[in-house]
Amino acid sequence: MTDPRDEADAQLLETLTDSGLYSIGAYFCDSHPELVDDVLQQSVDIERMGLGAWAAEQDVTVEAAVQTLVTGLAIRYFTAVAGSGG
């Protein structure tokens, strides 16, 4: 007999993989595996420093900083749900 909790967990994980954030993370990891570690580090730096300060230090726009941050979050979300190393 199947444990109802296992079925509920499977349904939840399936729902989580239907998100845009998951799709962005999956696409980036598949398309640019050589950049994953760099983007993850940059997103951590952005969180620590703040968008404006990081953008100024890197001489990029705040929009570029937001894109980097969101990509880093998407990679983390994808790897957490998929269980794969980023």
C-alpha atoms as a PDB file:
ATOM      1  CA  MET A   1       0.000   0.000   0.000  1.00  0.00           C
ATOM      2  CA  THR A   2       1.252   3.455  -0.890  1.00  0.00           C
ATOM      3  CA  ASP A   3       1.789   5.964   1.885  1.00  0.00           C
ATOM      4  CA  PRO A   4      -0.559   8.950   1.319  1.00  0.00           C
ATOM      5  CA  ARG A   5       2.246  11.267   2.418  1.00  0.00           C
ATOM      6  CA  ASP A   6       4.433  10.001  -0.441  1.00  0.00           C
ATOM      7  CA  GLU A   7       1.660  10.763  -2.916  1.00  0.00           C
ATOM      8  CA  ALA A   8       1.135  14.232  -1.429  1.00  0.00           C
ATOM      9  CA  ASP A   9       4.885  14.910  -1.590  1.00  0.00           C
ATOM     10  CA  ALA A  10       5.015  13.784  -5.218  1.00  0.00           C
ATOM     11  CA  GLN A  11       2.094  16.041  -6.105  1.00  0.00           C
ATOM     12  CA  LEU A  12       3.712  18.999  -4.368  1.00  0.00           C
ATOM     13  CA  LEU A  13       7.029  18.457  -6.155  1.00  0.00           C
ATOM     14  CA  GLU A  14       5.198  18.215  -9.474  1.00  0.00           C
ATOM     15  CA  THR A  15       3.488  21.527  -8.738  1.00  0.00           C
ATOM     16  CA  LEU A  16       6.826  23.136  -7.852  1.00  0.00           C
ATOM     17  CA  THR A  17       8.321  22.120 -11.196  1.00  0.00           C
ATOM     18  CA  ASP A  18       5.522  23.940 -13.039  1.00  0.00           C
ATOM     19  CA  SER A  19       6.766  27.371 -11.938  1.00  0.00           C
ATOM     20  CA  GLY A  20       8.519  29.960 -14.043  1.00  0.00           C
ATOM     21  CA  LEU A  21      11.374  30.183 -11.546  1.00  0.00           C
ATOM     22  CA  TYR A  22      11.989  26.444 -11.901  1.00  0.00           C
ATOM     23  CA  SER A  23      11.971  26.745 -15.695  1.00  0.00           C
ATOM     24  CA  ILE A  24      14.454  29.621 -15.657  1.00  0.00           C
ATOM     25  CA  GLY A  25      16.777  27.692 -13.353  1.00  0.00           C
ATOM     26  CA  ALA A  26      16.528  24.508 -15.401  1.00  0.00           C
ATOM     27  CA  TYR A  27      17.167  26.347 -18.658  1.00  0.00           C
ATOM     28  CA  PHE A  28      20.166  28.219 -17.276  1.00  0.00           C
ATOM     29  CA  CYS A  29      21.721  25.114 -15.703  1.00  0.00           C
ATOM     30  CA  ASP A  30      21.255  23.123 -18.909  1.00  0.00           C
ATOM     31  CA  SER A  31      22.393  25.890 -21.268  1.00  0.00           C
ATOM     32  CA  HIS A  32      25.247  27.414 -19.256  1.00  0.00           C
ATOM     33  CA  PRO A  33      26.580  24.884 -16.746  1.00  0.00           C
ATOM     34  CA  GLU A  34      29.981  26.576 -16.829  1.00  0.00           C
ATOM     35  CA  LEU A  35      28.449  29.821 -15.498  1.00  0.00           C
ATOM     36  CA  VAL A  36      26.307  28.415 -12.674  1.00  0.00           C
ATOM     37  CA  ASP A  37      28.888  28.805  -9.895  1.00  0.00           C
ATOM     38  CA  ASP A  38      29.729  32.369 -10.961  1.00  0.00           C
ATOM     39  CA  VAL A  39      26.080  33.441 -11.093  1.00  0.00           C
ATOM     40  CA  LEU A  40      25.407  31.848  -7.712  1.00  0.00           C
ATOM     41  CA  GLN A  41      28.348  33.737  -6.181  1.00  0.00           C
ATOM     42  CA  GLN A  42      27.258  36.989  -7.802  1.00  0.00           C
ATOM     43  CA  SER A  43      23.729  36.576  -6.459  1.00  0.00           C
ATOM     44  CA  VAL A  44      25.094  35.995  -2.949  1.00  0.00           C
ATOM     45  CA  ASP A  45      27.211  39.137  -3.319  1.00  0.00           C
ATOM     46  CA  ILE A  46      24.134  41.094  -4.457  1.00  0.00           C
ATOM     47  CA  GLU A  47      22.177  39.898  -1.426  1.00  0.00           C
ATOM     48  CA  ARG A  48      25.027  40.902   0.866  1.00  0.00           C
ATOM     49  CA  MET A  49      25.761  44.292  -0.717  1.00  0.00           C
ATOM     50  CA  GLY A  50      22.386  45.312  -2.089  1.00  0.00           C
ATOM     51  CA  LEU A  51      21.382  45.847  -5.707  1.00  0.00           C
ATOM     52  CA  GLY A  52      22.565  49.424  -6.099  1.00  0.00           C
ATOM     53  CA  ALA A  53      25.940  48.959  -4.431  1.00  0.00           C
ATOM     54  CA  TRP A  54      26.691  45.764  -6.360  1.00  0.00           C
ATOM     55  CA  ALA A  55      25.652  47.335  -9.666  1.00  0.00           C
ATOM     56  CA  ALA A  56      27.892  50.343  -9.011  1.00  0.00           C
ATOM     57  CA  GLU A  57      30.841  48.156  -8.034  1.00  0.00           C
ATOM     58  CA  GLN A  58      30.416  46.001 -11.149  1.00  0.00           C
ATOM     59  CA  ASP A  59      29.711  49.024 -13.374  1.00  0.00           C
ATOM     60  CA  VAL A  60      26.408  47.547 -14.571  1.00  0.00           C
ATOM     61  CA  THR A  61      22.841  48.787 -14.450  1.00  0.00           C
ATOM     62  CA  VAL A  62      20.555  47.958 -11.563  1.00  0.00           C
ATOM     63  CA  GLU A  63      18.428  46.081 -14.117  1.00  0.00           C
ATOM     64  CA  ALA A  64      21.393  43.808 -14.890  1.00  0.00           C
ATOM     65  CA  ALA A  65      21.893  43.278 -11.158  1.00  0.00           C
ATOM     66  CA  VAL A  66      18.228  42.291 -10.766  1.00  0.00           C
ATOM     67  CA  GLN A  67      18.537  39.834 -13.654  1.00  0.00           C
ATOM     68  CA  THR A  68      21.622  38.284 -12.078  1.00  0.00           C
ATOM     69  CA  LEU A  69      19.920  38.039  -8.706  1.00  0.00           C
ATOM     70  CA  VAL A  70      16.783  36.432 -10.135  1.00  0.00           C
ATOM     71  CA  THR A  71      18.848  33.985 -12.175  1.00  0.00           C
ATOM     72  CA  GLY A  72      20.767  32.996  -9.049  1.00  0.00           C
ATOM     73  CA  LEU A  73      17.533  32.505  -7.145  1.00  0.00           C
ATOM     74  CA  ALA A  74      16.129  30.444 -10.021  1.00  0.00           C
ATOM     75  CA  ILE A  75      19.220  28.227 -10.055  1.00  0.00           C
ATOM     76  CA  ARG A  76      18.888  27.642  -6.307  1.00  0.00           C
ATOM     77  CA  TYR A  77      15.173  26.928  -6.629  1.00  0.00           C
ATOM     78  CA  PHE A  78      15.719  24.490  -9.508  1.00  0.00           C
ATOM     79  CA  THR A  79      18.523  22.617  -7.765  1.00  0.00           C
ATOM     80  CA  ALA A  80      16.547  22.419  -4.511  1.00  0.00           C
ATOM     81  CA  VAL A  81      13.471  20.988  -6.229  1.00  0.00           C
ATOM     82  CA  ALA A  82      15.336  18.772  -8.706  1.00  0.00           C
ATOM     83  CA  GLY A  83      17.902  17.643  -6.162  1.00  0.00           C
ATOM     84  CA  SER A  84      20.793  18.125  -8.569  1.00  0.00           C
ATOM     85  CA  GLY A  85      24.048  19.906  -7.959  1.00  0.00           C
ATOM     86  CA  GLY A  86      24.213  23.391  -9.466  1.00  0.00           C
END
